[in-house]
Protein backbone atom coordinates (compact mmCIF):
# COMPACT_ATOMS: atom_id res chain seq x y z
CA MET A 1 0.00 0.00 0.00
CA LYS A 2 1.08 3.52 -0.74
CA GLU A 3 0.58 6.34 1.69
CA ILE A 4 0.48 10.10 1.36
CA ILE A 5 0.99 12.03 4.59
CA VAL A 6 -0.26 15.61 4.44
CA TYR A 7 0.70 18.00 7.21
CA CYS A 8 -1.89 20.74 6.89
CA TYR A 9 -3.77 23.49 8.68
CA ASN A 10 -7.55 23.32 8.48
CA ARG A 11 -8.01 27.06 7.89
CA CYS A 12 -5.39 27.28 5.15
CA SER A 13 -6.81 27.72 1.64
CA THR A 14 -3.64 26.34 0.03
CA CYS A 15 -3.94 23.17 2.12
CA LYS A 16 -7.58 22.81 1.12
CA LYS A 17 -6.66 23.09 -2.59
CA ALA A 18 -3.90 20.50 -2.22
CA ILE A 19 -6.11 18.05 -0.34
CA GLU A 20 -8.90 18.42 -2.90
CA TYR A 21 -6.41 17.81 -5.72
CA LEU A 22 -4.99 14.76 -3.96
CA LYS A 23 -8.40 13.26 -3.20
CA GLU A 24 -9.59 13.65 -6.80
CA ASN A 25 -6.44 12.19 -8.29
CA ILE A 26 -6.05 9.38 -5.76
CA ILE A 27 -9.62 8.25 -6.45
CA LYS A 28 -8.79 8.19 -10.19
CA TYR A 29 -5.53 6.35 -9.48
CA ASN A 30 -7.20 3.75 -7.25
CA LYS A 31 -9.93 3.08 -9.85
CA LYS A 32 -7.42 2.86 -12.68
CA ASN A 33 -5.37 0.29 -10.77
CA ASN A 34 -8.37 -1.85 -9.83
CA ASN A 35 -7.64 -1.31 -6.13
CA ASN A 36 -4.59 -3.61 -6.28
CA ASP A 37 -2.32 -0.79 -5.23
CA ILE A 38 -4.46 1.44 -3.00
CA ILE A 39 -3.13 4.83 -1.94
CA GLU A 40 -4.23 6.13 1.44
CA ILE A 41 -4.18 9.82 2.38
CA VAL A 42 -3.30 10.54 6.01
CA LEU A 43 -4.06 14.08 7.16
CA LYS A 44 -2.08 15.45 10.09
CA ASP A 45 -2.75 18.79 11.74
CA ILE A 46 0.50 20.71 11.41
CA ILE A 47 -0.20 22.49 14.71
CA THR A 48 -0.96 19.48 16.94
CA GLU A 49 0.91 16.73 15.04
CA LYS A 50 3.90 18.60 13.64
CA PRO A 51 7.06 16.66 12.82
CA ASN A 52 9.64 16.58 15.60
CA LEU A 53 13.29 17.50 15.07
CA GLU A 54 14.33 14.00 14.01
CA GLU A 55 11.39 13.56 11.63
CA MET A 56 11.92 16.98 10.06
CA SER A 57 15.62 16.27 9.58
CA LYS A 58 14.73 13.06 7.71
CA ILE A 59 12.13 14.87 5.60
CA ILE A 60 14.67 17.54 4.60
CA GLU A 61 17.34 14.92 3.88
CA THR A 62 14.86 13.06 1.67
CA LYS A 63 13.85 16.22 -0.20
CA TYR A 64 17.43 17.08 -1.12
CA ASP A 65 18.88 13.55 -1.11
CA LYS A 66 21.76 14.51 1.17
CA LYS A 67 22.68 14.46 4.83
CA ILE A 68 21.41 17.25 7.07
CA SER A 69 25.03 18.35 7.63
CA ASP A 70 25.25 19.11 3.89
CA ILE A 71 21.98 21.07 3.72
CA THR A 72 22.32 24.80 3.04
CA ARG A 73 20.51 27.62 4.78
CA ASP A 74 18.65 28.41 1.57
CA GLU A 75 17.44 24.83 1.33
CA ILE A 76 16.13 24.87 4.89
CA LYS A 77 14.53 28.26 4.33
CA LEU A 78 12.21 26.65 1.74
CA PHE A 79 10.63 24.65 4.58
CA PHE A 80 9.64 27.82 6.45
CA ASN A 81 6.25 29.50 6.09
CA THR A 82 7.87 32.79 5.10
CA SER A 83 4.53 34.57 4.78
CA GLY A 84 3.51 33.60 8.31
CA ILE A 85 3.13 36.03 11.17
CA LEU A 86 5.53 34.08 13.43
CA TYR A 87 8.21 34.10 10.74
CA ARG A 88 7.99 37.87 10.35
CA GLU A 89 7.48 38.80 14.02
CA ASN A 90 10.50 36.73 15.09
CA ASN A 91 12.77 37.93 12.26
CA ILE A 92 13.46 34.35 11.23
CA LYS A 93 14.90 35.54 7.91
CA ASP A 94 17.72 37.21 9.84
CA LYS A 95 18.17 34.19 12.13
CA ILE A 96 18.61 31.93 9.08
CA LYS A 97 21.26 34.29 7.65
CA ASP A 98 23.05 34.70 10.99
CA LEU A 99 26.13 32.48 10.82
CA ASN A 100 26.16 32.28 14.62
CA ASN A 101 23.08 30.06 14.30
CA SER A 102 23.97 26.55 13.26
CA ILE A 103 21.84 24.46 10.90
CA ASP A 104 20.69 22.57 14.00
CA ASP A 105 19.61 25.86 15.61
CA ILE A 106 17.62 26.74 12.49
CA LEU A 107 15.98 23.30 12.46
CA LYS A 108 14.96 23.76 16.10
CA ILE A 109 13.31 27.06 15.18
CA LEU A 110 11.52 25.36 12.28
CA VAL A 111 9.98 22.63 14.47
CA SER A 112 9.27 24.94 17.41
CA ASP A 113 5.79 25.69 16.10
CA GLY A 114 3.77 24.04 13.35
CA LYS A 115 2.92 27.45 11.91
CA MET A 116 6.61 27.92 11.08
CA ILE A 117 6.47 25.05 8.58
CA LYS A 118 5.46 25.69 4.97
CA ARG A 119 2.18 24.00 4.27
CA PRO A 120 0.99 21.72 3.14
CA LEU A 121 3.98 19.49 3.70
CA VAL A 122 3.29 16.33 1.71
CA ILE A 123 5.24 13.07 2.03
CA ILE A 124 4.54 10.44 -0.60
CA LYS A 125 5.54 6.93 0.46
CA ASP A 126 5.19 4.08 -1.98
CA GLY A 127 7.29 1.54 -0.11
CA ILE A 128 9.53 0.92 -3.11
CA ASN A 129 11.09 4.16 -4.28
CA LYS A 130 12.53 7.00 -2.25
CA ASP A 131 9.81 9.09 -0.59
CA LYS A 132 8.84 12.27 -2.43
CA ILE A 133 8.41 15.57 -0.58
CA LEU A 134 6.18 18.40 -1.76
CA LEU A 135 6.09 21.85 -0.14
CA GLY A 136 3.07 24.07 -0.62
CA PHE A 137 0.71 23.52 -3.51
CA LYS A 138 2.00 24.04 -7.01
CA GLU A 139 -0.31 22.13 -9.30
CA GLU A 140 2.45 21.54 -11.88
CA GLU A 141 4.52 19.63 -9.31
CA TYR A 142 1.55 17.53 -8.25
CA ILE A 143 0.67 16.74 -11.89
CA LYS A 144 4.20 15.44 -12.52
CA ILE A 145 3.79 12.94 -9.70
CA PHE A 146 0.14 11.92 -9.87
CA GLU A 147 -0.79 12.01 -13.52
CA LYS A 148 1.89 9.75 -14.96
């Protein structure tokens, strides 16, 4: 069985669009494959069920296919909800740039609050290939994965 984990926020319009897209395309996929290879969507509230430090590190490593020690500040920045109030109020942009803050420090800031994380955060697990990670909702990216 394949699984798609979606970290989302129930009042986020982007999350709603992504979930709607996933549901429509997963139903088509499941019908097309005669239910032999069912895909299940697991929704997780990004506020109450956010990834912990270890999980987020693995997600980032998977996204970039390299160890967390080789991840750049710009790569980690893509995981932040840069339009969020917390991001702006806490000057996270400056904290990411500040070389006194290690990558580990930046990761701790990222997982400190679910609203810091760009959403939806989608993890596609098929049990065979490397997991795929999607950040936000860009229909073109979703099409590449789901409409093969």
